[in-house]
Amino acid sequence: MKTLKLFIVAIIALAVSATATAQMTDHSKMSAPKTEIIKVGGNCESCKARIEKAAKIDGVTKADWNEKTKLLTLVYDPSKVRSIDVQKKIADVGHDTPKFRAEAKVYNALPSCCKYR
């Protein structure tokens, strides 16, 4: 009986300490994800794959480009990455954004179906 009581006390102590530890997390340093809509030049499914791949850098949780509207829905952690960094990466693979224009050499190397200018 004494062993059972000791076991129950140990379980309760473990539960209380686990709860206290979980509450010690500093949530003030966590930033909420930011959603942004960005116009990105492109035409087809190949463009979609290229744009989304370029946009998925560290800190980006979602990058979804719509072929019809030419809009990229970007969800990212602003404490890890900036929108301008993502737009630069997209321009580097040949697609214009409001902040960056793709270099002619890169744009001209795109497949003919991807040329939007």
PDB file of N, CA and C in Angstrom:
ATOM      1  N   MET A   1       0.824  -1.199   0.000  1.00  0.00           N
ATOM      2  CA  MET A   1       0.000   0.000   0.000  1.00  0.00           C
ATOM      3  C   MET A   1       0.866   1.259   0.000  1.00  0.00           C
ATOM      4  N   LYS A   2       1.957   1.194   0.765  1.00  0.00           N
ATOM      5  CA  LYS A   2       2.848   2.343   0.852  1.00  0.00           C
ATOM      6  C   LYS A   2       3.490   2.612  -0.522  1.00  0.00           C
ATOM      7  N   THR A   3       3.818   1.558  -1.256  1.00  0.00           N
ATOM      8  CA  THR A   3       4.405   1.690  -2.588  1.00  0.00           C
ATOM      9  C   THR A   3       3.416   2.331  -3.547  1.00  0.00           C
ATOM     10  N   LEU A   4       2.156   1.972  -3.438  1.00  0.00           N
ATOM     11  CA  LEU A   4       1.109   2.533  -4.292  1.00  0.00           C
ATOM     12  C   LEU A   4       0.964   4.034  -4.047  1.00  0.00           C
ATOM     13  N   LYS A   5       0.972   4.452  -2.784  1.00  0.00           N
ATOM     14  CA  LYS A   5       0.865   5.872  -2.446  1.00  0.00           C
ATOM     15  C   LYS A   5       2.069   6.639  -3.007  1.00  0.00           C
ATOM     16  N   LEU A   6       3.247   6.056  -2.858  1.00  0.00           N
ATOM     17  CA  LEU A   6       4.456   6.692  -3.355  1.00  0.00           C
ATOM     18  C   LEU A   6       4.404   6.832  -4.880  1.00  0.00           C
ATOM     19  N   PHE A   7       3.902   5.814  -5.545  1.00  0.00           N
ATOM     20  CA  PHE A   7       3.761   5.828  -7.000  1.00  0.00           C
ATOM     21  C   PHE A   7       2.788   6.921  -7.443  1.00  0.00           C
ATOM     22  N   ILE A   8       1.668   7.049  -6.771  1.00  0.00           N
ATOM     23  CA  ILE A   8       0.659   8.071  -7.102  1.00  0.00           C
ATOM     24  C   ILE A   8       1.234   9.473  -6.888  1.00  0.00           C
ATOM     25  N   VAL A   9       1.966   9.679  -5.804  1.00  0.00           N
ATOM     26  CA  VAL A   9       2.577  10.978  -5.524  1.00  0.00           C
ATOM     27  C   VAL A   9       3.598  11.312  -6.621  1.00  0.00           C
ATOM     28  N   ALA A  10       4.360  10.325  -7.063  1.00  0.00           N
ATOM     29  CA  ALA A  10       5.348  10.548  -8.116  1.00  0.00           C
ATOM     30  C   ALA A  10       4.675  10.943  -9.426  1.00  0.00           C
ATOM     31  N   ILE A  11       3.570  10.287  -9.766  1.00  0.00           N
ATOM     32  CA  ILE A  11       2.820  10.612 -10.986  1.00  0.00           C
ATOM     33  C   ILE A  11       2.287  12.040 -10.916  1.00  0.00           C
ATOM     34  N   ILE A  12       1.729  12.424  -9.795  1.00  0.00           N
ATOM     35  CA  ILE A  12       1.188  13.782  -9.627  1.00  0.00           C
ATOM     36  C   ILE A  12       2.313  14.809  -9.744  1.00  0.00           C
ATOM     37  N   ALA A  13       3.444  14.546  -9.121  1.00  0.00           N
ATOM     38  CA  ALA A  13       4.585  15.472  -9.182  1.00  0.00           C
ATOM     39  C   ALA A  13       5.080  15.623 -10.622  1.00  0.00           C
ATOM     40  N   LEU A  14       5.123  14.529 -11.342  1.00  0.00           N
ATOM     41  CA  LEU A  14       5.551  14.567 -12.740  1.00  0.00           C
ATOM     42  C   LEU A  14       4.582  15.387 -13.585  1.00  0.00           C
ATOM     43  N   ALA A  15       3.291  15.211 -13.381  1.00  0.00           N
ATOM     44  CA  ALA A  15       2.281  15.956 -14.137  1.00  0.00           C
ATOM     45  C   ALA A  15       2.371  17.454 -13.850  1.00  0.00           C
ATOM     46  N   VAL A  16       2.558  17.817 -12.591  1.00  0.00           N
ATOM     47  CA  VAL A  16       2.649  19.228 -12.208  1.00  0.00           C
ATOM     48  C   VAL A  16       3.902  19.859 -12.817  1.00  0.00           C
ATOM     49  N   SER A  17       5.027  19.161 -12.794  1.00  0.00           N
ATOM     50  CA  SER A  17       6.257  19.737 -13.336  1.00  0.00           C
ATOM     51  C   SER A  17       6.187  19.867 -14.854  1.00  0.00           C
ATOM     52  N   ALA A  18       5.538  18.938 -15.523  1.00  0.00           N
ATOM     53  CA  ALA A  18       5.387  19.023 -16.981  1.00  0.00           C
ATOM     54  C   ALA A  18       4.525  20.217 -17.353  1.00  0.00           C
ATOM     55  N   THR A  19       3.470  20.464 -16.598  1.00  0.00           N
ATOM     56  CA  THR A  19       2.590  21.599 -16.862  1.00  0.00           C
ATOM     57  C   THR A  19       3.328  22.915 -16.632  1.00  0.00           C
ATOM     58  N   ALA A  20       4.110  22.983 -15.574  1.00  0.00           N
ATOM     59  CA  ALA A  20       4.855  24.206 -15.269  1.00  0.00           C
ATOM     60  C   ALA A  20       5.890  24.492 -16.356  1.00  0.00           C
ATOM     61  N   THR A  21       6.547  23.474 -16.856  1.00  0.00           N
ATOM     62  CA  THR A  21       7.545  23.654 -17.904  1.00  0.00           C
ATOM     63  C   THR A  21       6.894  24.147 -19.189  1.00  0.00           C
ATOM     64  N   ALA A  22       5.747  23.612 -19.531  1.00  0.00           N
ATOM     65  CA  ALA A  22       5.052  24.020 -20.754  1.00  0.00           C
ATOM     66  C   ALA A  22       4.657  25.488 -20.701  1.00  0.00           C
ATOM     67  N   GLN A  23       4.388  26.002 -19.517  1.00  0.00           N
ATOM     68  CA  GLN A  23       3.964  27.391 -19.385  1.00  0.00           C
ATOM     69  C   GLN A  23       5.127  28.366 -19.374  1.00  0.00           C
ATOM     70  N   MET A  24       6.351  27.878 -19.369  1.00  0.00           N
ATOM     71  CA  MET A  24       7.510  28.753 -19.326  1.00  0.00           C
ATOM     72  C   MET A  24       7.944  29.227 -20.711  1.00  0.00           C
ATOM     73  N   THR A  25       7.297  28.796 -21.776  1.00  0.00           N
ATOM     74  CA  THR A  25       7.641  29.224 -23.125  1.00  0.00           C
ATOM     75  C   THR A  25       7.327  30.700 -23.301  1.00  0.00           C
ATOM     76  N   ASP A  26       8.279  31.445 -23.838  1.00  0.00           N
ATOM     77  CA  ASP A  26       8.089  32.881 -24.061  1.00  0.00           C
ATOM     78  C   ASP A  26       7.440  33.094 -25.425  1.00  0.00           C
ATOM     79  N   HIS A  27       6.133  33.269 -25.426  1.00  0.00           N
ATOM     80  CA  HIS A  27       5.391  33.438 -26.666  1.00  0.00           C
ATOM     81  C   HIS A  27       5.551  34.832 -27.259  1.00  0.00           C
ATOM     82  N   SER A  28       6.092  35.766 -26.519  1.00  0.00           N
ATOM     83  CA  SER A  28       6.250  37.125 -27.031  1.00  0.00           C
ATOM     84  C   SER A  28       7.282  37.188 -28.156  1.00  0.00           C
ATOM     85  N   LYS A  29       8.206  36.209 -28.206  1.00  0.00           N
ATOM     86  CA  LYS A  29       9.229  36.205 -29.239  1.00  0.00           C
ATOM     87  C   LYS A  29       8.769  35.496 -30.505  1.00  0.00           C
ATOM     88  N   MET A  30       7.607  34.868 -30.455  1.00  0.00           N
ATOM     89  CA  MET A  30       7.070  34.185 -31.621  1.00  0.00           C
ATOM     90  C   MET A  30       6.282  35.194 -32.453  1.00  0.00           C
ATOM     91  N   SER A  31       6.521  35.199 -33.751  1.00  0.00           N
ATOM     92  CA  SER A  31       5.774  36.125 -34.593  1.00  0.00           C
ATOM     93  C   SER A  31       4.698  35.364 -35.357  1.00  0.00           C
ATOM     94  N   ALA A  32       3.598  36.033 -35.571  1.00  0.00           N
ATOM     95  CA  ALA A  32       2.483  35.423 -36.292  1.00  0.00           C
ATOM     96  C   ALA A  32       2.824  35.373 -37.780  1.00  0.00           C
ATOM     97  N   PRO A  33       2.399  34.319 -38.456  1.00  0.00           N
ATOM     98  CA  PRO A  33       2.657  34.255 -39.897  1.00  0.00           C
ATOM     99  C   PRO A  33       1.964  35.413 -40.618  1.00  0.00           C
ATOM    100  N   LYS A  34       2.604  35.894 -41.652  1.00  0.00           N
ATOM    101  CA  LYS A  34       2.060  37.001 -42.438  1.00  0.00           C
ATOM    102  C   LYS A  34       1.660  36.458 -43.803  1.00  0.00           C
ATOM    103  N   THR A  35       0.506  36.904 -44.296  1.00  0.00           N
ATOM    104  CA  THR A  35       0.043  36.516 -45.623  1.00  0.00           C
ATOM    105  C   THR A  35       0.109  37.734 -46.533  1.00  0.00           C
ATOM    106  N   GLU A  36       0.653  37.520 -47.713  1.00  0.00           N
ATOM    107  CA  GLU A  36       0.797  38.614 -48.669  1.00  0.00           C
ATOM    108  C   GLU A  36       0.446  38.093 -50.062  1.00  0.00           C
ATOM    109  N   ILE A  37      -0.188  38.946 -50.855  1.00  0.00           N
ATOM    110  CA  ILE A  37      -0.526  38.617 -52.237  1.00  0.00           C
ATOM    111  C   ILE A  37       0.402  39.439 -53.131  1.00  0.00           C
ATOM    112  N   ILE A  38       1.117  38.751 -54.031  1.00  0.00           N
ATOM    113  CA  ILE A  38       2.107  39.412 -54.881  1.00  0.00           C
ATOM    114  C   ILE A  38       1.843  39.067 -56.346  1.00  0.00           C
ATOM    115  N   LYS A  39       1.823  40.070 -57.202  1.00  0.00           N
ATOM    116  CA  LYS A  39       1.663  39.845 -58.645  1.00  0.00           C
ATOM    117  C   LYS A  39       2.991  39.331 -59.196  1.00  0.00           C
ATOM    118  N   VAL A  40       2.919  38.207 -59.920  1.00  0.00           N
ATOM    119  CA  VAL A  40       4.123  37.604 -60.495  1.00  0.00           C
ATOM    120  C   VAL A  40       3.836  37.231 -61.938  1.00  0.00           C
ATOM    121  N   GLY A  41       4.694  37.678 -62.856  1.00  0.00           N
ATOM    122  CA  GLY A  41       4.526  37.363 -64.270  1.00  0.00           C
ATOM    123  C   GLY A  41       4.782  35.897 -64.565  1.00  0.00           C
ATOM    124  N   GLY A  42       3.936  35.325 -65.404  1.00  0.00           N
ATOM    125  CA  GLY A  42       4.069  33.926 -65.796  1.00  0.00           C
ATOM    126  C   GLY A  42       2.855  33.513 -66.613  1.00  0.00           C
ATOM    127  N   ASN A  43       2.861  32.297 -67.161  1.00  0.00           N
ATOM    128  CA  ASN A  43       1.775  31.853 -68.035  1.00  0.00           C
ATOM    129  C   ASN A  43       1.209  30.473 -67.746  1.00  0.00           C
ATOM    130  N   CYS A  44       2.051  29.523 -67.379  1.00  0.00           N
ATOM    131  CA  CYS A  44       1.635  28.127 -67.445  1.00  0.00           C
ATOM    132  C   CYS A  44       1.991  27.337 -66.185  1.00  0.00           C
ATOM    133  N   GLU A  45       1.757  26.017 -66.250  1.00  0.00           N
ATOM    134  CA  GLU A  45       2.064  25.125 -65.134  1.00  0.00           C
ATOM    135  C   GLU A  45       3.571  25.074 -64.850  1.00  0.00           C
ATOM    136  N   SER A  46       4.372  25.180 -65.892  1.00  0.00           N
ATOM    137  CA  SER A  46       5.832  25.207 -65.687  1.00  0.00           C
ATOM    138  C   SER A  46       6.223  26.452 -64.895  1.00  0.00           C
ATOM    139  N   CYS A  47       5.598  27.571 -65.225  1.00  0.00           N
ATOM    140  CA  CYS A  47       5.845  28.812 -64.488  1.00  0.00           C
ATOM    141  C   CYS A  47       5.441  28.636 -63.028  1.00  0.00           C
ATOM    142  N   LYS A  48       4.273  28.051 -62.822  1.00  0.00           N
ATOM    143  CA  LYS A  48       3.762  27.825 -61.467  1.00  0.00           C
ATOM    144  C   LYS A  48       4.773  27.042 -60.639  1.00  0.00           C
ATOM    145  N   ALA A  49       5.268  25.936 -61.190  1.00  0.00           N
ATOM    146  CA  ALA A  49       6.236  25.099 -60.472  1.00  0.00           C
ATOM    147  C   ALA A  49       7.516  25.876 -60.164  1.00  0.00           C
ATOM    148  N   ARG A  50       8.002  26.634 -61.154  1.00  0.00           N
ATOM    149  CA  ARG A  50       9.245  27.400 -60.993  1.00  0.00           C
ATOM    150  C   ARG A  50       9.086  28.506 -59.952  1.00  0.00           C
ATOM    151  N   ILE A  51       7.982  29.242 -60.026  1.00  0.00           N
ATOM    152  CA  ILE A  51       7.717  30.350 -59.098  1.00  0.00           C
ATOM    153  C   ILE A  51       7.580  29.828 -57.671  1.00  0.00           C
ATOM    154  N   GLU A  52       6.767  28.802 -57.487  1.00  0.00           N
ATOM    155  CA  GLU A  52       6.535  28.254 -56.148  1.00  0.00           C
ATOM    156  C   GLU A  52       7.814  27.667 -55.551  1.00  0.00           C
ATOM    157  N   LYS A  53       8.609  27.004 -56.376  1.00  0.00           N
ATOM    158  CA  LYS A  53       9.871  26.428 -55.888  1.00  0.00           C
ATOM    159  C   LYS A  53      10.819  27.545 -55.445  1.00  0.00           C
ATOM    160  N   ALA A  54      10.918  28.604 -56.243  1.00  0.00           N
ATOM    161  CA  ALA A  54      11.807  29.722 -55.906  1.00  0.00           C
ATOM    162  C   ALA A  54      11.349  30.434 -54.638  1.00  0.00           C
ATOM    163  N   ALA A  55      10.032  30.492 -54.429  1.00  0.00           N
ATOM    164  CA  ALA A  55       9.487  31.219 -53.279  1.00  0.00           C
ATOM    165  C   ALA A  55       9.619  30.451 -51.972  1.00  0.00           C
ATOM    166  N   LYS A  56       9.766  29.153 -52.035  1.00  0.00           N
ATOM    167  CA  LYS A  56       9.795  28.347 -50.813  1.00  0.00           C
ATOM    168  C   LYS A  56      11.195  28.324 -50.199  1.00  0.00           C
ATOM    169  N   ILE A  57      11.565  29.463 -49.640  1.00  0.00           N
ATOM    170  CA  ILE A  57      12.837  29.569 -48.930  1.00  0.00           C
ATOM    171  C   ILE A  57      12.551  29.458 -47.435  1.00  0.00           C
ATOM    172  N   ASP A  58      13.595  29.395 -46.635  1.00  0.00           N
ATOM    173  CA  ASP A  58      13.434  29.244 -45.192  1.00  0.00           C
ATOM    174  C   ASP A  58      12.568  30.371 -44.627  1.00  0.00           C
ATOM    175  N   GLY A  59      11.540  30.016 -43.909  1.00  0.00           N
ATOM    176  CA  GLY A  59      10.622  30.992 -43.331  1.00  0.00           C
ATOM    177  C   GLY A  59       9.300  31.085 -44.071  1.00  0.00           C
ATOM    178  N   VAL A  60       9.231  30.541 -45.283  1.00  0.00           N
ATOM    179  CA  VAL A  60       7.996  30.547 -46.079  1.00  0.00           C
ATOM    180  C   VAL A  60       7.262  29.231 -45.828  1.00  0.00           C
ATOM    181  N   THR A  61       6.003  29.331 -45.405  1.00  0.00           N
ATOM    182  CA  THR A  61       5.228  28.117 -45.144  1.00  0.00           C
ATOM    183  C   THR A  61       4.275  27.784 -46.283  1.00  0.00           C
ATOM    184  N   LYS A  62       3.950  28.775 -47.105  1.00  0.00           N
ATOM    185  CA  LYS A  62       3.057  28.520 -48.237  1.00  0.00           C
ATOM    186  C   LYS A  62       3.384  29.483 -49.367  1.00  0.00           C
ATOM    187  N   ALA A  63       3.443  28.936 -50.579  1.00  0.00           N
ATOM    188  CA  ALA A  63       3.623  29.748 -51.780  1.00  0.00           C
ATOM    189  C   ALA A  63       2.751  29.118 -52.849  1.00  0.00           C
ATOM    190  N   ASP A  64       1.663  29.815 -53.204  1.00  0.00           N
ATOM    191  CA  ASP A  64       0.717  29.266 -54.178  1.00  0.00           C
ATOM    192  C   ASP A  64       0.440  30.320 -55.248  1.00  0.00           C
ATOM    193  N   TRP A  65       0.924  30.058 -56.478  1.00  0.00           N
ATOM    194  CA  TRP A  65       0.740  30.986 -57.584  1.00  0.00           C
ATOM    195  C   TRP A  65      -0.441  30.539 -58.432  1.00  0.00           C
ATOM    196  N   ASN A  66      -1.342  31.485 -58.752  1.00  0.00           N
ATOM    197  CA  ASN A  66      -2.523  31.196 -59.555  1.00  0.00           C
ATOM    198  C   ASN A  66      -2.252  31.601 -60.995  1.00  0.00           C
ATOM    199  N   GLU A  67      -2.348  30.637 -61.892  1.00  0.00           N
ATOM    200  CA  GLU A  67      -2.055  30.834 -63.311  1.00  0.00           C
ATOM    201  C   GLU A  67      -2.987  31.861 -63.966  1.00  0.00           C
ATOM    202  N   LYS A  68      -4.247  31.895 -63.564  1.00  0.00           N
ATOM    203  CA  LYS A  68      -5.223  32.804 -64.177  1.00  0.00           C
ATOM    204  C   LYS A  68      -5.080  34.235 -63.677  1.00  0.00           C
ATOM    205  N   THR A  69      -4.942  34.404 -62.370  1.00  0.00           N
ATOM    206  CA  THR A  69      -4.873  35.751 -61.798  1.00  0.00           C
ATOM    207  C   THR A  69      -3.465  36.326 -61.762  1.00  0.00           C
ATOM    208  N   LYS A  70      -2.455  35.443 -61.932  1.00  0.00           N
ATOM    209  CA  LYS A  70      -1.034  35.832 -61.865  1.00  0.00           C
ATOM    210  C   LYS A  70      -0.652  36.336 -60.478  1.00  0.00           C
ATOM    211  N   LEU A  71      -1.357  35.839 -59.460  1.00  0.00           N
ATOM    212  CA  LEU A  71      -1.100  36.262 -58.085  1.00  0.00           C
ATOM    213  C   LEU A  71      -0.507  35.124 -57.269  1.00  0.00           C
ATOM    214  N   LEU A  72       0.510  35.456 -56.482  1.00  0.00           N
ATOM    215  CA  LEU A  72       1.150  34.514 -55.580  1.00  0.00           C
ATOM    216  C   LEU A  72       0.652  34.787 -54.169  1.00  0.00           C
ATOM    217  N   THR A  73       0.085  33.774 -53.535  1.00  0.00           N
ATOM    218  CA  THR A  73      -0.286  33.883 -52.129  1.00  0.00           C
ATOM    219  C   THR A  73       0.891  33.357 -51.334  1.00  0.00           C
ATOM    220  N   LEU A  74       1.453  34.227 -50.533  1.00  0.00           N
ATOM    221  CA  LEU A  74       2.657  33.913 -49.780  1.00  0.00           C
ATOM    222  C   LEU A  74       2.350  33.995 -48.291  1.00  0.00           C
ATOM    223  N   VAL A  75       2.654  32.926 -47.568  1.00  0.00           N
ATOM    224  CA  VAL A  75       2.514  32.914 -46.114  1.00  0.00           C
ATOM    225  C   VAL A  75       3.916  32.671 -45.567  1.00  0.00           C
ATOM    226  N   TYR A  76       4.376  33.584 -44.710  1.00  0.00           N
ATOM    227  CA  TYR A  76       5.746  33.492 -44.223  1.00  0.00           C
ATOM    228  C   TYR A  76       5.883  34.048 -42.809  1.00  0.00           C
ATOM    229  N   ASP A  77       7.002  33.716 -42.193  1.00  0.00           N
ATOM    230  CA  ASP A  77       7.331  34.195 -40.856  1.00  0.00           C
ATOM    231  C   ASP A  77       8.207  35.437 -41.017  1.00  0.00           C
ATOM    232  N   PRO A  78       7.679  36.628 -40.707  1.00  0.00           N
ATOM    233  CA  PRO A  78       8.447  37.858 -40.920  1.00  0.00           C
ATOM    234  C   PRO A  78       9.694  37.971 -40.040  1.00  0.00           C
ATOM    235  N   SER A  79       9.821  37.136 -39.023  1.00  0.00           N
ATOM    236  CA  SER A  79      11.041  37.173 -38.213  1.00  0.00           C
ATOM    237  C   SER A  79      12.164  36.377 -38.877  1.00  0.00           C
ATOM    238  N   LYS A  80      11.830  35.575 -39.906  1.00  0.00           N
ATOM    239  CA  LYS A  80      12.826  34.761 -40.587  1.00  0.00           C
ATOM    240  C   LYS A  80      13.124  35.227 -42.008  1.00  0.00           C
ATOM    241  N   VAL A  81      12.141  35.819 -42.675  1.00  0.00           N
ATOM    242  CA  VAL A  81      12.303  36.193 -44.076  1.00  0.00           C
ATOM    243  C   VAL A  81      11.459  37.427 -44.387  1.00  0.00           C
ATOM    244  N   ARG A  82      11.892  38.181 -45.392  1.00  0.00           N
ATOM    245  CA  ARG A  82      11.128  39.350 -45.827  1.00  0.00           C
ATOM    246  C   ARG A  82      10.537  39.076 -47.202  1.00  0.00           C
ATOM    247  N   SER A  83       9.440  39.712 -47.504  1.00  0.00           N
ATOM    248  CA  SER A  83       8.784  39.573 -48.798  1.00  0.00           C
ATOM    249  C   SER A  83       9.729  39.951 -49.928  1.00  0.00           C
ATOM    250  N   ILE A  84      10.511  40.961 -49.729  1.00  0.00           N
ATOM    251  CA  ILE A  84      11.442  41.428 -50.757  1.00  0.00           C
ATOM    252  C   ILE A  84      12.478  40.351 -51.097  1.00  0.00           C
ATOM    253  N   ASP A  85      12.880  39.554 -50.095  1.00  0.00           N
ATOM    254  CA  ASP A  85      13.833  38.455 -50.335  1.00  0.00           C
ATOM    255  C   ASP A  85      13.208  37.390 -51.233  1.00  0.00           C
ATOM    256  N   VAL A  86      11.940  37.101 -50.984  1.00  0.00           N
ATOM    257  CA  VAL A  86      11.234  36.108 -51.792  1.00  0.00           C
ATOM    258  C   VAL A  86      11.069  36.629 -53.217  1.00  0.00           C
ATOM    259  N   GLN A  87      10.700  37.893 -53.359  1.00  0.00           N
ATOM    260  CA  GLN A  87      10.528  38.470 -54.696  1.00  0.00           C
ATOM    261  C   GLN A  87      11.841  38.461 -55.476  1.00  0.00           C
ATOM    262  N   LYS A  88      12.945  38.672 -54.825  1.00  0.00           N
ATOM    263  CA  LYS A  88      14.256  38.628 -55.482  1.00  0.00           C
ATOM    264  C   LYS A  88      14.536  37.219 -55.993  1.00  0.00           C
ATOM    265  N   LYS A  89      14.244  36.208 -55.186  1.00  0.00           N
ATOM    266  CA  LYS A  89      14.458  34.816 -55.602  1.00  0.00           C
ATOM    267  C   LYS A  89      13.603  34.470 -56.825  1.00  0.00           C
ATOM    268  N   ILE A  90      12.376  34.973 -56.846  1.00  0.00           N
ATOM    269  CA  ILE A  90      11.480  34.714 -57.981  1.00  0.00           C
ATOM    270  C   ILE A  90      12.009  35.387 -59.246  1.00  0.00           C
ATOM    271  N   ALA A  91      12.478  36.616 -59.122  1.00  0.00           N
ATOM    272  CA  ALA A  91      13.049  37.326 -60.275  1.00  0.00           C
ATOM    273  C   ALA A  91      14.314  36.625 -60.764  1.00  0.00           C
ATOM    274  N   ASP A  92      15.058  36.045 -59.854  1.00  0.00           N
ATOM    275  CA  ASP A  92      16.293  35.343 -60.225  1.00  0.00           C
ATOM    276  C   ASP A  92      16.028  34.136 -61.127  1.00  0.00           C
ATOM    277  N   VAL A  93      14.797  33.580 -61.087  1.00  0.00           N
ATOM    278  CA  VAL A  93      14.474  32.432 -61.946  1.00  0.00           C
ATOM    279  C   VAL A  93      13.696  32.849 -63.191  1.00  0.00           C
ATOM    280  N   GLY A  94      13.509  34.183 -63.395  1.00  0.00           N
ATOM    281  CA  GLY A  94      12.938  34.656 -64.648  1.00  0.00           C
ATOM    282  C   GLY A  94      11.547  35.255 -64.601  1.00  0.00           C
ATOM    283  N   HIS A  95      11.011  35.529 -63.418  1.00  0.00           N
ATOM    284  CA  HIS A  95       9.640  36.040 -63.313  1.00  0.00           C
ATOM    285  C   HIS A  95       9.623  37.395 -62.604  1.00  0.00           C
ATOM    286  N   ASP A  96       8.976  38.363 -63.248  1.00  0.00           N
ATOM    287  CA  ASP A  96       8.895  39.717 -62.698  1.00  0.00           C
ATOM    288  C   ASP A  96       7.944  39.772 -61.507  1.00  0.00           C
ATOM    289  N   THR A  97       8.309  40.631 -60.546  1.00  0.00           N
ATOM    290  CA  THR A  97       7.462  40.929 -59.386  1.00  0.00           C
ATOM    291  C   THR A  97       7.383  42.450 -59.289  1.00  0.00           C
ATOM    292  N   PRO A  98       6.542  42.992 -58.418  1.00  0.00           N
ATOM    293  CA  PRO A  98       6.476  44.446 -58.293  1.00  0.00           C
ATOM    294  C   PRO A  98       7.810  45.096 -57.895  1.00  0.00           C
ATOM    295  N   LYS A  99       8.655  44.396 -57.163  1.00  0.00           N
ATOM    296  CA  LYS A  99       9.925  44.976 -56.690  1.00  0.00           C
ATOM    297  C   LYS A  99      11.116  44.671 -57.594  1.00  0.00           C
ATOM    298  N   PHE A 100      11.050  43.580 -58.357  1.00  0.00           N
ATOM    299  CA  PHE A 100      12.194  43.169 -59.174  1.00  0.00           C
ATOM    300  C   PHE A 100      11.751  42.726 -60.563  1.00  0.00           C
ATOM    301  N   ARG A 101      12.558  43.081 -61.552  1.00  0.00           N
ATOM    302  CA  ARG A 101      12.339  42.631 -62.925  1.00  0.00           C
ATOM    303  C   ARG A 101      13.410  41.583 -63.223  1.00  0.00           C
ATOM    304  N   ALA A 102      12.994  40.467 -63.791  1.00  0.00           N
ATOM    305  CA  ALA A 102      13.944  39.408 -64.126  1.00  0.00           C
ATOM    306  C   ALA A 102      14.955  39.923 -65.145  1.00  0.00           C
ATOM    307  N   GLU A 103      16.204  39.507 -65.000  1.00  0.00           N
ATOM    308  CA  GLU A 103      17.234  39.892 -65.957  1.00  0.00           C
ATOM    309  C   GLU A 103      16.892  39.315 -67.332  1.00  0.00           C
ATOM    310  N   ALA A 104      17.201  40.068 -68.376  1.00  0.00           N
ATOM    311  CA  ALA A 104      16.877  39.660 -69.750  1.00  0.00           C
ATOM    312  C   ALA A 104      17.471  38.295 -70.083  1.00  0.00           C
ATOM    313  N   LYS A 105      18.703  38.061 -69.661  1.00  0.00           N
ATOM    314  CA  LYS A 105      19.366  36.785 -69.950  1.00  0.00           C
ATOM    315  C   LYS A 105      18.586  35.605 -69.353  1.00  0.00           C
ATOM    316  N   VAL A 106      18.121  35.766 -68.127  1.00  0.00           N
ATOM    317  CA  VAL A 106      17.368  34.699 -67.449  1.00  0.00           C
ATOM    318  C   VAL A 106      15.984  34.548 -68.084  1.00  0.00           C
ATOM    319  N   TYR A 107      15.325  35.685 -68.330  1.00  0.00           N
ATOM    320  CA  TYR A 107      13.994  35.655 -68.949  1.00  0.00           C
ATOM    321  C   TYR A 107      14.050  34.989 -70.322  1.00  0.00           C
ATOM    322  N   ASN A 108      15.028  35.355 -71.128  1.00  0.00           N
ATOM    323  CA  ASN A 108      15.152  34.805 -72.483  1.00  0.00           C
ATOM    324  C   ASN A 108      15.441  33.307 -72.495  1.00  0.00           C
ATOM    325  N   ALA A 109      15.982  32.788 -71.406  1.00  0.00           N
ATOM    326  CA  ALA A 109      16.280  31.356 -71.310  1.00  0.00           C
ATOM    327  C   ALA A 109      15.049  30.528 -70.917  1.00  0.00           C
ATOM    328  N   LEU A 110      13.939  31.201 -70.559  1.00  0.00           N
ATOM    329  CA  LEU A 110      12.714  30.472 -70.206  1.00  0.00           C
ATOM    330  C   LEU A 110      12.160  29.762 -71.447  1.00  0.00           C
ATOM    331  N   PRO A 111      11.432  28.666 -71.247  1.00  0.00           N
ATOM    332  CA  PRO A 111      10.764  28.030 -72.385  1.00  0.00           C
ATOM    333  C   PRO A 111       9.782  29.006 -73.034  1.00  0.00           C
ATOM    334  N   SER A 112       9.487  28.825 -74.314  1.00  0.00           N
ATOM    335  CA  SER A 112       8.634  29.769 -75.048  1.00  0.00           C
ATOM    336  C   SER A 112       7.249  29.893 -74.412  1.00  0.00           C
ATOM    337  N   CYS A 113       6.732  28.837 -73.837  1.00  0.00           N
ATOM    338  CA  CYS A 113       5.402  28.905 -73.217  1.00  0.00           C
ATOM    339  C   CYS A 113       5.391  29.794 -71.967  1.00  0.00           C
ATOM    340  N   CYS A 114       6.564  30.057 -71.425  1.00  0.00           N
ATOM    341  CA  CYS A 114       6.669  30.835 -70.191  1.00  0.00           C
ATOM    342  C   CYS A 114       6.925  32.320 -70.421  1.00  0.00           C
ATOM    343  N   LYS A 115       7.088  32.715 -71.662  1.00  0.00           N
ATOM    344  CA  LYS A 115       7.379  34.123 -71.949  1.00  0.00           C
ATOM    345  C   LYS A 115       6.091  34.939 -71.837  1.00  0.00           C
ATOM    346  N   TYR A 116       6.077  35.899 -70.958  1.00  0.00           N
ATOM    347  CA  TYR A 116       4.872  36.688 -70.653  1.00  0.00           C
ATOM    348  C   TYR A 116       5.033  38.152 -71.016  1.00  0.00           C
ATOM    349  N   ARG A 117       6.204  38.595 -71.362  1.00  0.00           N
ATOM    350  CA  ARG A 117       6.421  40.013 -71.714  1.00  0.00           C
ATOM    351  C   ARG A 117       6.068  40.263 -73.152  1.00  0.00           C
TER     352      ARG A 117
END
